[in-house]
Amino acid sequence: MLNMVFLTNSWLTSFNQPGLCITMAMLLHYFLLAAFTWMCLESVHFYLALVKVFNIYVPKYILKCCIVGWGIPAIVITLVLIINKDFYGNGSLSESHPYSNFCWIQDNTVFYISVVAYFFLIFLMNTAMFITVLLQIHSVKTRTQKTSRFWKR
């Protein structure tokens, strides 16, 4: 959906409908945040599968993942819309972007908080999960080598 919204954004912007532009910018923002969130959920799943191998049954796991994966981006978008729906719009309406024909976030502060900071938090989480998984794999490898040496003796 992110790709579809991205590809149709400039075409739909050409209709010069403010409501359509706000909707396209909001959908683009939502699906971008959803992609980041699902990437984070994949790293959590990776952690559960490789580190917490046993006794990791989580009741209604997929439902909980879906609520987080689709819900957190919806909360962020709702907050932005509640604060000011005019944060979304067409950049060509401003003098600083005269040739822009794309609906997106118009305020730099909102962009840095709701996209860049969000991505940075996801990136930190993924990095932490990756390092934890690598340490676990290294630990298992070390234990296997020690056991192997013991039995060879």
C-alpha atoms as a PDB file:
ATOM      1  CA  MET A   1       0.000   0.000   0.000  1.00  0.00           C
ATOM      2  CA  LEU A   2       2.901   2.347   0.684  1.00  0.00           C
ATOM      3  CA  ASN A   3       4.099   1.921  -2.888  1.00  0.00           C
ATOM      4  CA  MET A   4       0.607   2.389  -4.337  1.00  0.00           C
ATOM      5  CA  VAL A   5      -0.022   5.569  -2.354  1.00  0.00           C
ATOM      6  CA  PHE A   6       3.425   6.893  -3.210  1.00  0.00           C
ATOM      7  CA  LEU A   7       2.989   6.242  -6.929  1.00  0.00           C
ATOM      8  CA  THR A   8      -0.481   7.775  -7.147  1.00  0.00           C
ATOM      9  CA  ASN A   9       0.285  10.739  -4.886  1.00  0.00           C
ATOM     10  CA  SER A  10       1.516  13.234  -7.472  1.00  0.00           C
ATOM     11  CA  TRP A  11      -1.199  12.249  -9.957  1.00  0.00           C
ATOM     12  CA  LEU A  12      -3.955  12.806  -7.393  1.00  0.00           C
ATOM     13  CA  THR A  13      -2.293  16.050  -6.298  1.00  0.00           C
ATOM     14  CA  SER A  14      -2.804  17.411  -9.808  1.00  0.00           C
ATOM     15  CA  PHE A  15      -6.574  17.592  -9.143  1.00  0.00           C
ATOM     16  CA  ASN A  16      -5.935  20.468  -6.668  1.00  0.00           C
ATOM     17  CA  GLN A  17      -8.387  19.156  -4.079  1.00  0.00           C
ATOM     18  CA  PRO A  18      -7.191  20.024  -0.545  1.00  0.00           C
ATOM     19  CA  GLY A  19      -9.146  17.181   1.088  1.00  0.00           C
ATOM     20  CA  LEU A  20      -7.743  14.645  -1.350  1.00  0.00           C
ATOM     21  CA  CYS A  21      -4.236  15.955  -0.783  1.00  0.00           C
ATOM     22  CA  ILE A  22      -4.592  15.732   3.006  1.00  0.00           C
ATOM     23  CA  THR A  23      -5.939  12.187   2.649  1.00  0.00           C
ATOM     24  CA  MET A  24      -3.062  11.124   0.388  1.00  0.00           C
ATOM     25  CA  ALA A  25      -0.440  12.673   2.690  1.00  0.00           C
ATOM     26  CA  MET A  26      -2.047  11.033   5.713  1.00  0.00           C
ATOM     27  CA  LEU A  27      -2.172   7.621   3.983  1.00  0.00           C
ATOM     28  CA  LEU A  28       1.429   7.933   2.844  1.00  0.00           C
ATOM     29  CA  HIS A  29       2.502   8.833   6.382  1.00  0.00           C
ATOM     30  CA  TYR A  30       0.422   6.012   7.876  1.00  0.00           C
ATOM     31  CA  PHE A  31       1.738   3.278   5.587  1.00  0.00           C
ATOM     32  CA  LEU A  32       5.333   4.478   6.026  1.00  0.00           C
ATOM     33  CA  LEU A  33       5.003   4.265   9.812  1.00  0.00           C
ATOM     34  CA  ALA A  34       3.239   0.904   9.488  1.00  0.00           C
ATOM     35  CA  ALA A  35       6.157  -0.441   7.429  1.00  0.00           C
ATOM     36  CA  PHE A  36       8.603   0.708  10.124  1.00  0.00           C
ATOM     37  CA  THR A  37       6.442  -0.816  12.865  1.00  0.00           C
ATOM     38  CA  TRP A  38       6.158  -4.165  11.102  1.00  0.00           C
ATOM     39  CA  MET A  39       9.931  -4.150  10.620  1.00  0.00           C
ATOM     40  CA  CYS A  40      10.276  -3.758  14.389  1.00  0.00           C
ATOM     41  CA  LEU A  41       7.775  -6.557  15.024  1.00  0.00           C
ATOM     42  CA  GLU A  42       9.790  -8.790  12.727  1.00  0.00           C
ATOM     43  CA  SER A  43      12.899  -8.179  14.840  1.00  0.00           C
ATOM     44  CA  VAL A  44      10.921  -9.039  17.993  1.00  0.00           C
ATOM     45  CA  HIS A  45       9.738 -12.237  16.304  1.00  0.00           C
ATOM     46  CA  PHE A  46      13.338 -12.984  15.302  1.00  0.00           C
ATOM     47  CA  TYR A  47      14.370 -12.516  18.947  1.00  0.00           C
ATOM     48  CA  LEU A  48      11.611 -14.809  20.206  1.00  0.00           C
ATOM     49  CA  ALA A  49      12.454 -17.494  17.659  1.00  0.00           C
ATOM     50  CA  LEU A  50      16.216 -17.546  18.224  1.00  0.00           C
ATOM     51  CA  VAL A  51      16.745 -16.434  21.831  1.00  0.00           C
ATOM     52  CA  LYS A  52      13.597 -17.350  23.733  1.00  0.00           C
ATOM     53  CA  VAL A  53      13.166 -20.649  21.924  1.00  0.00           C
ATOM     54  CA  PHE A  54      11.254 -22.547  24.594  1.00  0.00           C
ATOM     55  CA  ASN A  55       8.208 -21.474  26.602  1.00  0.00           C
ATOM     56  CA  ILE A  56       7.372 -18.545  24.370  1.00  0.00           C
ATOM     57  CA  TYR A  57       3.707 -19.259  23.785  1.00  0.00           C
ATOM     58  CA  VAL A  58       1.888 -15.953  23.567  1.00  0.00           C
ATOM     59  CA  PRO A  59      -1.891 -16.252  23.423  1.00  0.00           C
ATOM     60  CA  LYS A  60      -3.343 -14.594  20.312  1.00  0.00           C
ATOM     61  CA  TYR A  61       0.146 -13.618  19.150  1.00  0.00           C
ATOM     62  CA  ILE A  62      -0.859 -12.673  15.590  1.00  0.00           C
ATOM     63  CA  LEU A  63      -3.778 -10.581  16.827  1.00  0.00           C
ATOM     64  CA  LYS A  64      -1.482  -8.701  19.203  1.00  0.00           C
ATOM     65  CA  CYS A  65       1.068  -8.156  16.429  1.00  0.00           C
ATOM     66  CA  CYS A  66      -1.667  -6.801  14.151  1.00  0.00           C
ATOM     67  CA  ILE A  67      -2.954  -4.450  16.833  1.00  0.00           C
ATOM     68  CA  VAL A  68       0.554  -3.092  17.396  1.00  0.00           C
ATOM     69  CA  GLY A  69       1.559  -3.103  13.720  1.00  0.00           C
ATOM     70  CA  TRP A  70      -1.506  -1.227  12.508  1.00  0.00           C
ATOM     71  CA  GLY A  71      -2.493   0.548  15.740  1.00  0.00           C
ATOM     72  CA  ILE A  72       0.616   2.494  16.733  1.00  0.00           C
ATOM     73  CA  PRO A  73       0.889   4.241  13.337  1.00  0.00           C
ATOM     74  CA  ALA A  74      -2.838   5.039  13.533  1.00  0.00           C
ATOM     75  CA  ILE A  75      -2.308   6.666  16.936  1.00  0.00           C
ATOM     76  CA  VAL A  76       0.523   8.820  15.571  1.00  0.00           C
ATOM     77  CA  ILE A  77      -1.542   9.892  12.555  1.00  0.00           C
ATOM     78  CA  THR A  78      -4.557  10.631  14.749  1.00  0.00           C
ATOM     79  CA  LEU A  79      -2.428  12.813  17.033  1.00  0.00           C
ATOM     80  CA  VAL A  80      -1.070  14.768  14.073  1.00  0.00           C
ATOM     81  CA  LEU A  81      -4.587  15.255  12.692  1.00  0.00           C
ATOM     82  CA  ILE A  82      -5.948  16.323  16.088  1.00  0.00           C
ATOM     83  CA  ILE A  83      -3.170  18.871  16.577  1.00  0.00           C
ATOM     84  CA  ASN A  84      -3.582  20.415  13.110  1.00  0.00           C
ATOM     85  CA  LYS A  85      -4.837  18.772   9.930  1.00  0.00           C
ATOM     86  CA  ASP A  86      -3.001  21.448   7.923  1.00  0.00           C
ATOM     87  CA  PHE A  87       0.312  19.765   8.746  1.00  0.00           C
ATOM     88  CA  TYR A  88      -0.527  17.655   5.711  1.00  0.00           C
ATOM     89  CA  GLY A  89      -0.735  19.314   2.337  1.00  0.00           C
ATOM     90  CA  ASN A  90       0.772  20.145  -1.006  1.00  0.00           C
ATOM     91  CA  GLY A  91       4.276  21.595  -0.965  1.00  0.00           C
ATOM     92  CA  SER A  92       3.667  23.544  -4.174  1.00  0.00           C
ATOM     93  CA  LEU A  93       1.392  25.928  -2.276  1.00  0.00           C
ATOM     94  CA  SER A  94       4.367  27.287  -0.339  1.00  0.00           C
ATOM     95  CA  GLU A  95       6.981  29.638  -1.758  1.00  0.00           C
ATOM     96  CA  SER A  96       9.858  27.515  -0.463  1.00  0.00           C
ATOM     97  CA  HIS A  97       8.806  24.561  -2.698  1.00  0.00           C
ATOM     98  CA  PRO A  98       7.364  26.142  -5.860  1.00  0.00           C
ATOM     99  CA  TYR A  99       7.805  23.071  -8.107  1.00  0.00           C
ATOM    100  CA  SER A 100       6.769  20.409  -5.644  1.00  0.00           C
ATOM    101  CA  ASN A 101       3.670  18.510  -6.721  1.00  0.00           C
ATOM    102  CA  PHE A 102       3.445  16.035  -3.873  1.00  0.00           C
ATOM    103  CA  CYS A 103       1.213  15.770  -0.804  1.00  0.00           C
ATOM    104  CA  TRP A 104       3.204  15.209   2.346  1.00  0.00           C
ATOM    105  CA  ILE A 105       3.934  16.658   5.793  1.00  0.00           C
ATOM    106  CA  GLN A 106       4.444  20.419   5.489  1.00  0.00           C
ATOM    107  CA  ASP A 107       5.854  21.195   8.936  1.00  0.00           C
ATOM    108  CA  ASN A 108       9.494  20.252   9.542  1.00  0.00           C
ATOM    109  CA  THR A 109       9.019  19.743  13.279  1.00  0.00           C
ATOM    110  CA  VAL A 110       6.158  17.310  12.721  1.00  0.00           C
ATOM    111  CA  PHE A 111       8.227  15.499  10.092  1.00  0.00           C
ATOM    112  CA  TYR A 112      11.237  15.120  12.383  1.00  0.00           C
ATOM    113  CA  ILE A 113       9.157  13.960  15.335  1.00  0.00           C
ATOM    114  CA  SER A 114       6.683  11.682  13.588  1.00  0.00           C
ATOM    115  CA  VAL A 115       8.948  10.180  10.918  1.00  0.00           C
ATOM    116  CA  VAL A 116      12.633  10.624  11.714  1.00  0.00           C
ATOM    117  CA  ALA A 117      12.379  10.090  15.487  1.00  0.00           C
ATOM    118  CA  TYR A 118       9.980   7.175  14.952  1.00  0.00           C
ATOM    119  CA  PHE A 119      12.397   5.551  12.512  1.00  0.00           C
ATOM    120  CA  PHE A 120      15.307   6.183  14.891  1.00  0.00           C
ATOM    121  CA  LEU A 121      13.486   4.401  17.739  1.00  0.00           C
ATOM    122  CA  ILE A 122      12.688   1.465  15.467  1.00  0.00           C
ATOM    123  CA  PHE A 123      16.302   1.375  14.295  1.00  0.00           C
ATOM    124  CA  LEU A 124      17.585   1.313  17.906  1.00  0.00           C
ATOM    125  CA  MET A 125      15.159  -1.478  18.775  1.00  0.00           C
ATOM    126  CA  ASN A 126      16.187  -3.523  15.729  1.00  0.00           C
ATOM    127  CA  THR A 127      19.862  -2.993  16.484  1.00  0.00           C
ATOM    128  CA  ALA A 128      19.391  -4.127  20.089  1.00  0.00           C
ATOM    129  CA  MET A 129      17.498  -7.231  18.960  1.00  0.00           C
ATOM    130  CA  PHE A 130      20.136  -8.005  16.331  1.00  0.00           C
ATOM    131  CA  ILE A 131      22.997  -7.731  18.837  1.00  0.00           C
ATOM    132  CA  THR A 132      21.103  -9.883  21.337  1.00  0.00           C
ATOM    133  CA  VAL A 133      20.483 -12.567  18.704  1.00  0.00           C
ATOM    134  CA  LEU A 134      24.142 -12.482  17.619  1.00  0.00           C
ATOM    135  CA  LEU A 135      25.302 -12.869  21.225  1.00  0.00           C
ATOM    136  CA  GLN A 136      22.915 -15.790  21.697  1.00  0.00           C
ATOM    137  CA  ILE A 137      24.145 -17.513  18.543  1.00  0.00           C
ATOM    138  CA  HIS A 138      27.772 -16.969  19.626  1.00  0.00           C
ATOM    139  CA  SER A 139      26.956 -18.348  23.087  1.00  0.00           C
ATOM    140  CA  VAL A 140      25.352 -21.486  21.629  1.00  0.00           C
ATOM    141  CA  LYS A 141      28.316 -21.972  19.295  1.00  0.00           C
ATOM    142  CA  THR A 142      30.784 -21.665  22.183  1.00  0.00           C
ATOM    143  CA  ARG A 143      28.840 -24.153  24.329  1.00  0.00           C
ATOM    144  CA  THR A 144      28.637 -26.613  21.428  1.00  0.00           C
ATOM    145  CA  GLN A 145      32.386 -26.419  20.831  1.00  0.00           C
ATOM    146  CA  LYS A 146      33.124 -27.000  24.549  1.00  0.00           C
ATOM    147  CA  THR A 147      30.806 -30.022  24.620  1.00  0.00           C
ATOM    148  CA  SER A 148      32.372 -31.365  21.455  1.00  0.00           C
ATOM    149  CA  ARG A 149      35.891 -31.083  22.920  1.00  0.00           C
ATOM    150  CA  PHE A 150      34.747 -32.802  26.137  1.00  0.00           C
ATOM    151  CA  TRP A 151      33.348 -35.799  24.278  1.00  0.00           C
ATOM    152  CA  LYS A 152      36.408 -36.070  22.016  1.00  0.00           C
ATOM    153  CA  ARG A 153      38.623 -36.481  25.088  1.00  0.00           C
END
